[in-house]
Amino acid sequence: MIRKYVLPLLAAMGVIFGFYMVHVGAQKPLIAAPAAEPSHAPYKAYVAGSGIIEAATENIAVATPVPGVATELYVKVGDPVKAGQPLFKLDDRNLEATLAVEKAQVDSAQAKLNVDQASLADLQNQLDFFQSVSDVRAVSRQDLDRKKFAMQTGEAQVASSRAEVAAAQAQARATQVDIDRMTVTAPVDGQVLQVNLRLGEFAQAGPLATPLMLLGNVDELHVRVDVDENDAWRVSPTAAATAYVRGNPELSTPLRIVRIEPYVIPKKSLTGDSTERVDTRVLQVIYAFDRAALPVYVGQQMDVFIDAPEVASGKSAVTAAASEGGNP
């Protein structure tokens, strides 16, 4: 019974299922709608690049010249700062104690100098007295020379004491400089963009992967555009450029050229495009735009299109760039 009816039925169902899977597999997969409408170039011919928004002063990674434990934080994220304004302070109690000792040494050296100056004044009076005696028989030549030599010794002692005072004061000033360095100040006018230091944390000196603080002048924003090296020759400093906010192509702004970096560097930023090359180098072009023009933030990516000459067939790249005023 099973061999006569069930097995042929299962075989037939298997064949039907196989044809169905082949039919389903042959169909074209549905293309998922993009999460956001991509930006469209406003120029007939253009160079496209991915841009990163940065401060007009570039993003300044604030560091400390000496390591230490943070005892004071004077600012928070978003605060405006002026050049020279304190940002944070490291533990300087050992330096304060050293400075107190050195100030005492300055006072001691100054007191010794005062004593030596008084002794010198006394020796000067004695020498003046011996030299004022009119009767040369009343004062021996040997006594007069002894007073002169004592006067010279006193002058040398005063000079030595002055040098000791100067050395003690210089040492105290050096320690005061070290104390001042424990308070890190803002290098420029700007805004605090990031704070990665907390009270009680140990602040390492030197360049760090994560900066202690990040700040920059954001009154005007810059966008750093990576242009593929293959398109670098088509970029002109006089060409128009437009930036679009990623996620909303309705938000755009014209750009003003700031500079073209003269050195082509390896590509670091990735856009996620499946056709994007990572083994390439890029020309970095910096543009500026008003901060109020777009609701964007430092570190945000933008799509940038630069008006460029259209390359005609049979025309060399260098010739096309020269004829259109490009920078080959």
Protein backbone atom coordinates (compact mmCIF):
# COMPACT_ATOMS: atom_id res chain seq x y z
CA MET A 1 0.00 0.00 0.00
CA ILE A 2 2.77 2.41 1.01
CA ARG A 3 4.90 1.50 -2.01
CA LYS A 4 1.95 1.70 -4.40
CA TYR A 5 0.49 5.08 -3.39
CA VAL A 6 2.49 6.96 -0.73
CA LEU A 7 5.97 6.78 -2.22
CA PRO A 8 4.93 7.95 -5.72
CA LEU A 9 2.93 10.76 -4.10
CA LEU A 10 5.95 11.93 -2.08
CA ALA A 11 8.14 11.79 -5.19
CA ALA A 12 5.67 13.90 -7.13
CA MET A 13 5.49 16.43 -4.30
CA GLY A 14 9.29 16.63 -4.22
CA VAL A 15 9.44 17.33 -7.94
CA ILE A 16 6.78 20.04 -7.63
CA PHE A 17 8.62 21.63 -4.70
CA GLY A 18 11.88 21.58 -6.68
CA PHE A 19 10.27 23.37 -9.65
CA TYR A 20 8.78 25.94 -7.24
CA MET A 21 12.15 26.70 -5.62
CA VAL A 22 13.79 27.07 -9.00
CA HIS A 23 11.04 29.49 -10.05
CA VAL A 24 11.36 31.53 -6.86
CA GLY A 25 15.15 31.64 -7.12
CA ALA A 26 15.00 32.87 -10.70
CA GLN A 27 12.98 35.95 -9.81
CA LYS A 28 14.83 39.25 -9.38
CA PRO A 29 15.09 40.31 -5.73
CA LEU A 30 13.19 43.39 -4.73
CA ILE A 31 15.40 46.46 -4.30
CA ALA A 32 14.96 47.95 -0.87
CA ALA A 33 14.05 51.61 -0.82
CA PRO A 34 16.87 53.81 0.47
CA ALA A 35 16.58 55.01 4.05
CA ALA A 36 16.95 58.57 2.76
CA GLU A 37 16.73 60.10 -0.69
CA PRO A 38 20.27 60.54 -2.07
CA SER A 39 21.52 63.96 -3.02
CA HIS A 40 21.50 65.00 -6.67
CA ALA A 41 24.25 67.06 -8.25
CA PRO A 42 23.20 70.58 -9.29
CA TYR A 43 25.81 70.71 -12.09
CA LYS A 44 25.94 69.09 -15.51
CA ALA A 45 29.50 67.91 -14.92
CA TYR A 46 30.86 67.63 -11.43
CA VAL A 47 33.28 66.06 -8.98
CA ALA A 48 31.62 64.43 -5.98
CA GLY A 49 33.23 63.98 -2.59
CA SER A 50 32.41 63.09 0.96
CA GLY A 51 32.89 65.97 3.39
CA ILE A 52 33.37 66.15 7.15
CA ILE A 53 32.29 69.28 9.02
CA GLU A 54 34.95 70.80 11.25
CA ALA A 55 35.56 74.02 13.13
CA ALA A 56 37.06 77.00 11.34
CA THR A 57 40.20 76.58 13.47
CA GLU A 58 40.10 72.84 12.77
CA ASN A 59 39.20 70.56 15.67
CA ILE A 60 41.81 71.25 18.36
CA ALA A 61 42.63 68.27 20.59
CA VAL A 62 43.59 69.88 23.89
CA ALA A 63 46.39 68.07 25.73
CA THR A 64 48.44 68.60 28.87
CA PRO A 65 52.23 69.04 28.76
CA VAL A 66 52.61 67.10 32.02
CA PRO A 67 50.63 64.13 33.38
CA GLY A 68 48.57 64.42 36.54
CA VAL A 69 45.27 63.88 38.31
CA ALA A 70 42.46 66.30 37.40
CA THR A 71 41.38 68.35 40.42
CA GLU A 72 39.35 71.09 38.70
CA LEU A 73 37.17 71.25 35.58
CA TYR A 74 36.25 74.79 34.64
CA VAL A 75 34.16 74.16 31.49
CA LYS A 76 31.58 71.75 30.12
CA VAL A 77 30.52 70.69 26.65
CA GLY A 78 29.06 73.57 24.65
CA ASP A 79 30.62 76.36 26.71
CA PRO A 80 32.12 79.28 24.77
CA VAL A 81 35.71 80.01 25.77
CA LYS A 82 38.21 82.79 25.18
CA ALA A 83 41.89 82.33 24.44
CA GLY A 84 43.76 81.92 27.75
CA GLN A 85 40.66 80.89 29.71
CA PRO A 86 41.33 77.96 32.11
CA LEU A 87 39.90 74.63 30.98
CA PHE A 88 41.05 72.21 33.66
CA LYS A 89 43.64 71.91 36.42
CA LEU A 90 45.87 69.06 37.55
CA ASP A 91 47.04 68.29 41.08
CA ASP A 92 49.87 70.74 41.90
CA ARG A 93 50.21 70.34 45.67
CA ASN A 94 53.75 69.00 45.46
CA LEU A 95 54.79 71.97 43.34
CA GLU A 96 53.10 74.41 45.73
CA ALA A 97 55.07 72.87 48.61
CA THR A 98 58.29 73.12 46.61
CA LEU A 99 57.52 76.75 45.78
CA ALA A 100 57.03 77.57 49.47
CA VAL A 101 60.48 76.14 50.26
CA GLU A 102 62.06 78.05 47.39
CA LYS A 103 60.44 81.32 48.46
CA ALA A 104 61.91 80.79 51.91
CA GLN A 105 65.30 80.26 50.29
CA VAL A 106 64.85 83.55 48.42
CA ASP A 107 64.13 85.32 51.71
CA SER A 108 67.17 83.69 53.32
CA ALA A 109 69.42 84.67 50.43
CA GLN A 110 68.04 88.22 50.53
CA ALA A 111 68.74 88.45 54.28
CA LYS A 112 72.32 87.25 53.74
CA LEU A 113 72.72 89.87 51.01
CA ASN A 114 71.50 92.58 53.40
CA VAL A 115 74.08 91.47 55.98
CA ASP A 116 76.87 91.45 53.40
CA GLN A 117 75.87 94.89 52.16
CA ALA A 118 75.93 96.24 55.73
CA SER A 119 79.37 94.69 56.27
CA LEU A 120 80.57 96.25 53.04
CA ALA A 121 79.30 99.66 54.13
CA ASP A 122 81.23 99.28 57.41
CA LEU A 123 84.41 98.32 55.53
CA GLN A 124 83.92 101.31 53.24
CA ASN A 125 83.67 103.64 56.25
CA GLN A 126 86.84 102.17 57.75
CA LEU A 127 88.73 102.55 54.48
CA ASP A 128 87.50 106.13 54.09
CA PHE A 129 88.67 106.89 57.62
CA PHE A 130 92.14 105.48 57.02
CA GLN A 131 92.43 107.36 53.75
CA SER A 132 91.30 110.64 55.37
CA VAL A 133 94.15 110.70 57.90
CA SER A 134 96.41 113.57 56.92
CA ASP A 135 99.46 112.39 58.83
CA VAL A 136 100.83 109.44 56.91
CA ARG A 137 102.84 108.39 59.98
CA ALA A 138 99.61 107.67 61.92
CA VAL A 139 98.57 104.86 59.56
CA SER A 140 100.94 102.19 58.33
CA ARG A 141 100.97 101.19 54.70
CA GLN A 142 100.25 97.61 55.70
CA ASP A 143 97.05 98.55 57.59
CA LEU A 144 95.81 100.63 54.69
CA ASP A 145 96.36 97.76 52.23
CA ARG A 146 94.60 95.39 54.59
CA LYS A 147 91.52 97.64 54.61
CA LYS A 148 91.56 97.84 50.81
CA PHE A 149 91.76 94.04 50.52
CA ALA A 150 88.95 93.66 53.06
CA MET A 151 86.89 96.10 51.00
CA GLN A 152 87.46 94.02 47.83
CA THR A 153 86.54 90.84 49.73
CA GLY A 154 83.33 92.50 50.92
CA GLU A 155 82.44 93.58 47.41
CA ALA A 156 82.99 90.03 46.14
CA GLN A 157 80.84 88.65 48.97
CA VAL A 158 78.02 91.06 48.09
CA ALA A 159 78.25 90.05 44.41
CA SER A 160 78.09 86.38 45.42
CA SER A 161 75.06 87.02 47.65
CA ARG A 162 73.31 88.87 44.82
CA ALA A 163 73.94 85.86 42.55
CA GLU A 164 72.48 83.54 45.21
CA VAL A 165 69.37 85.73 45.43
CA ALA A 166 69.02 85.74 41.64
CA ALA A 167 69.45 81.94 41.47
CA ALA A 168 66.87 81.39 44.24
CA GLN A 169 64.41 83.73 42.51
CA ALA A 170 64.96 81.98 39.14
CA GLN A 171 64.31 78.60 40.75
CA ALA A 172 61.11 79.92 42.33
CA ARG A 173 59.99 81.34 38.97
CA ALA A 174 60.68 77.99 37.29
CA THR A 175 58.52 76.22 39.85
CA GLN A 176 55.81 78.85 39.38
CA VAL A 177 55.90 78.14 35.63
CA ASP A 178 55.46 74.43 36.37
CA ILE A 179 52.47 75.29 38.56
CA ASP A 180 50.99 77.46 35.81
CA ARG A 181 51.39 74.57 33.35
CA MET A 182 49.19 72.42 35.57
CA THR A 183 46.28 74.68 34.56
CA VAL A 184 45.53 74.07 30.88
CA THR A 185 44.02 77.05 29.07
CA ALA A 186 42.17 77.52 25.77
CA PRO A 187 44.55 78.20 22.87
CA VAL A 188 41.94 80.11 20.82
CA ASP A 189 38.48 81.62 21.08
CA GLY A 190 35.92 78.93 20.41
CA GLN A 191 33.49 76.41 21.84
CA VAL A 192 34.07 73.26 23.85
CA LEU A 193 33.04 70.38 21.58
CA GLN A 194 33.98 67.42 23.74
CA VAL A 195 35.10 66.73 27.32
CA ASN A 196 36.63 63.32 27.98
CA LEU A 197 38.21 64.12 31.35
CA ARG A 198 36.53 63.69 34.74
CA LEU A 199 37.51 64.86 38.20
CA GLY A 200 39.95 62.43 39.77
CA GLU A 201 40.98 60.86 36.47
CA PHE A 202 44.64 60.67 35.49
CA ALA A 203 45.41 62.81 32.45
CA GLN A 204 48.12 61.42 30.22
CA ALA A 205 50.52 63.81 28.50
CA GLY A 206 51.14 63.84 24.77
CA PRO A 207 48.90 62.96 21.81
CA LEU A 208 46.01 60.63 22.70
CA ALA A 209 43.59 58.57 20.63
CA THR A 210 40.77 60.19 22.59
CA PRO A 211 41.65 63.81 23.42
CA LEU A 212 41.10 65.16 26.92
CA MET A 213 39.10 68.02 25.42
CA LEU A 214 38.13 69.05 21.92
CA LEU A 215 37.40 72.64 20.99
CA GLY A 216 37.30 74.95 18.00
CA ASN A 217 35.86 78.16 16.65
CA VAL A 218 32.42 77.35 15.22
CA ASP A 219 31.30 80.88 14.35
CA GLU A 220 32.00 79.69 10.81
CA LEU A 221 32.07 76.03 9.84
CA HIS A 222 34.40 74.33 7.39
CA VAL A 223 33.79 71.14 5.45
CA ARG A 224 36.83 69.04 4.53
CA VAL A 225 36.09 67.24 1.26
CA ASP A 226 37.92 64.12 0.11
CA VAL A 227 38.28 64.11 -3.66
CA ASP A 228 39.48 60.90 -5.31
CA GLU A 229 42.97 61.29 -6.75
CA ASN A 230 41.62 60.34 -10.17
CA ASP A 231 39.42 63.46 -10.13
CA ALA A 232 41.93 65.79 -8.48
CA TRP A 233 42.94 67.38 -11.78
CA ARG A 234 39.33 68.50 -12.38
CA VAL A 235 39.09 70.55 -9.17
CA SER A 236 39.53 74.29 -9.57
CA PRO A 237 39.73 76.81 -6.70
CA THR A 238 37.37 79.10 -8.63
CA ALA A 239 34.71 76.44 -9.27
CA ALA A 240 31.31 76.59 -7.57
CA ALA A 241 30.55 73.96 -4.94
CA THR A 242 27.41 72.90 -3.07
CA ALA A 243 27.01 70.78 0.06
CA TYR A 244 23.96 68.66 0.94
CA VAL A 245 23.01 67.35 4.37
CA ARG A 246 22.97 63.57 4.41
CA GLY A 247 19.49 62.27 5.07
CA ASN A 248 17.76 65.37 3.70
CA PRO A 249 18.75 66.49 0.18
CA GLU A 250 16.45 69.49 0.57
CA LEU A 251 18.99 71.04 2.92
CA SER A 252 21.91 72.47 0.99
CA THR A 253 24.21 75.48 0.97
CA PRO A 254 26.73 77.02 -1.42
CA LEU A 255 30.33 76.78 -0.32
CA ARG A 256 33.23 79.21 -0.31
CA ILE A 257 36.70 77.93 -1.04
CA VAL A 258 39.19 78.25 1.83
CA ARG A 259 42.15 76.32 0.47
CA ILE A 260 43.23 73.19 -1.32
CA GLU A 261 45.64 71.07 0.69
CA PRO A 262 48.81 70.74 -1.40
CA TYR A 263 49.52 67.18 -0.23
CA VAL A 264 47.49 64.16 -1.35
CA ILE A 265 46.96 61.74 1.54
CA PRO A 266 45.72 58.14 1.93
CA LYS A 267 41.96 57.86 2.24
CA LYS A 268 40.73 57.40 5.82
CA SER A 269 37.00 58.08 5.89
CA LEU A 270 34.59 55.46 4.48
CA THR A 271 31.11 56.26 3.19
CA GLY A 272 29.78 52.69 3.03
CA ASP A 273 29.23 52.73 -0.74
CA SER A 274 29.66 49.20 -2.16
CA THR A 275 31.71 50.56 -5.07
CA GLU A 276 33.98 52.66 -2.89
CA ARG A 277 37.71 52.11 -3.12
CA VAL A 278 39.79 52.06 0.04
CA ASP A 279 43.19 51.60 -1.60
CA THR A 280 43.27 55.14 -2.97
CA ARG A 281 44.53 58.59 -2.08
CA VAL A 282 42.52 61.75 -1.85
CA LEU A 283 42.96 65.47 -2.40
CA GLN A 284 41.49 67.41 0.51
CA VAL A 285 39.62 70.60 -0.34
CA ILE A 286 38.40 72.84 2.48
CA TYR A 287 35.28 74.94 2.00
CA ALA A 288 33.48 77.31 4.37
CA PHE A 289 29.82 78.09 4.98
CA ASP A 290 27.85 80.11 7.51
CA ARG A 291 26.92 78.24 10.67
CA ALA A 292 23.32 79.48 10.48
CA ALA A 293 22.84 78.18 6.94
CA LEU A 294 22.18 74.56 7.97
CA PRO A 295 21.21 72.66 11.14
CA VAL A 296 24.44 70.66 11.19
CA TYR A 297 27.13 69.82 13.73
CA VAL A 298 30.88 69.40 13.81
CA GLY A 299 31.84 65.87 12.78
CA GLN A 300 28.78 65.37 10.56
CA GLN A 301 29.21 64.05 7.00
CA MET A 302 27.95 65.93 3.95
CA ASP A 303 27.68 65.20 0.25
CA VAL A 304 29.62 67.81 -1.72
CA PHE A 305 29.46 68.44 -5.47
CA ILE A 306 32.05 70.61 -7.21
CA ASP A 307 31.41 72.07 -10.65
CA ALA A 308 34.02 70.60 -12.99
CA PRO A 309 34.87 70.53 -16.69
CA GLU A 310 33.25 67.82 -18.75
CA VAL A 311 35.85 65.60 -20.39
CA ALA A 312 35.23 65.27 -24.12
CA SER A 313 35.99 62.01 -25.87
CA GLY A 314 39.43 61.89 -27.46
CA LYS A 315 40.62 64.80 -25.34
CA SER A 316 43.36 64.22 -22.83
CA ALA A 317 42.74 64.96 -19.18
CA VAL A 318 45.57 67.46 -18.97
CA THR A 319 44.37 69.33 -22.06
CA ALA A 320 40.80 69.46 -20.73
CA ALA A 321 41.93 70.77 -17.38
CA ALA A 322 44.13 73.42 -18.96
CA SER A 323 41.39 74.62 -21.27
CA GLU A 324 38.88 74.91 -18.40
CA GLY A 325 41.28 76.52 -15.91
CA GLY A 326 41.68 73.42 -13.75
CA ASN A 327 44.61 72.41 -11.56
CA PRO A 328 46.23 69.30 -13.05
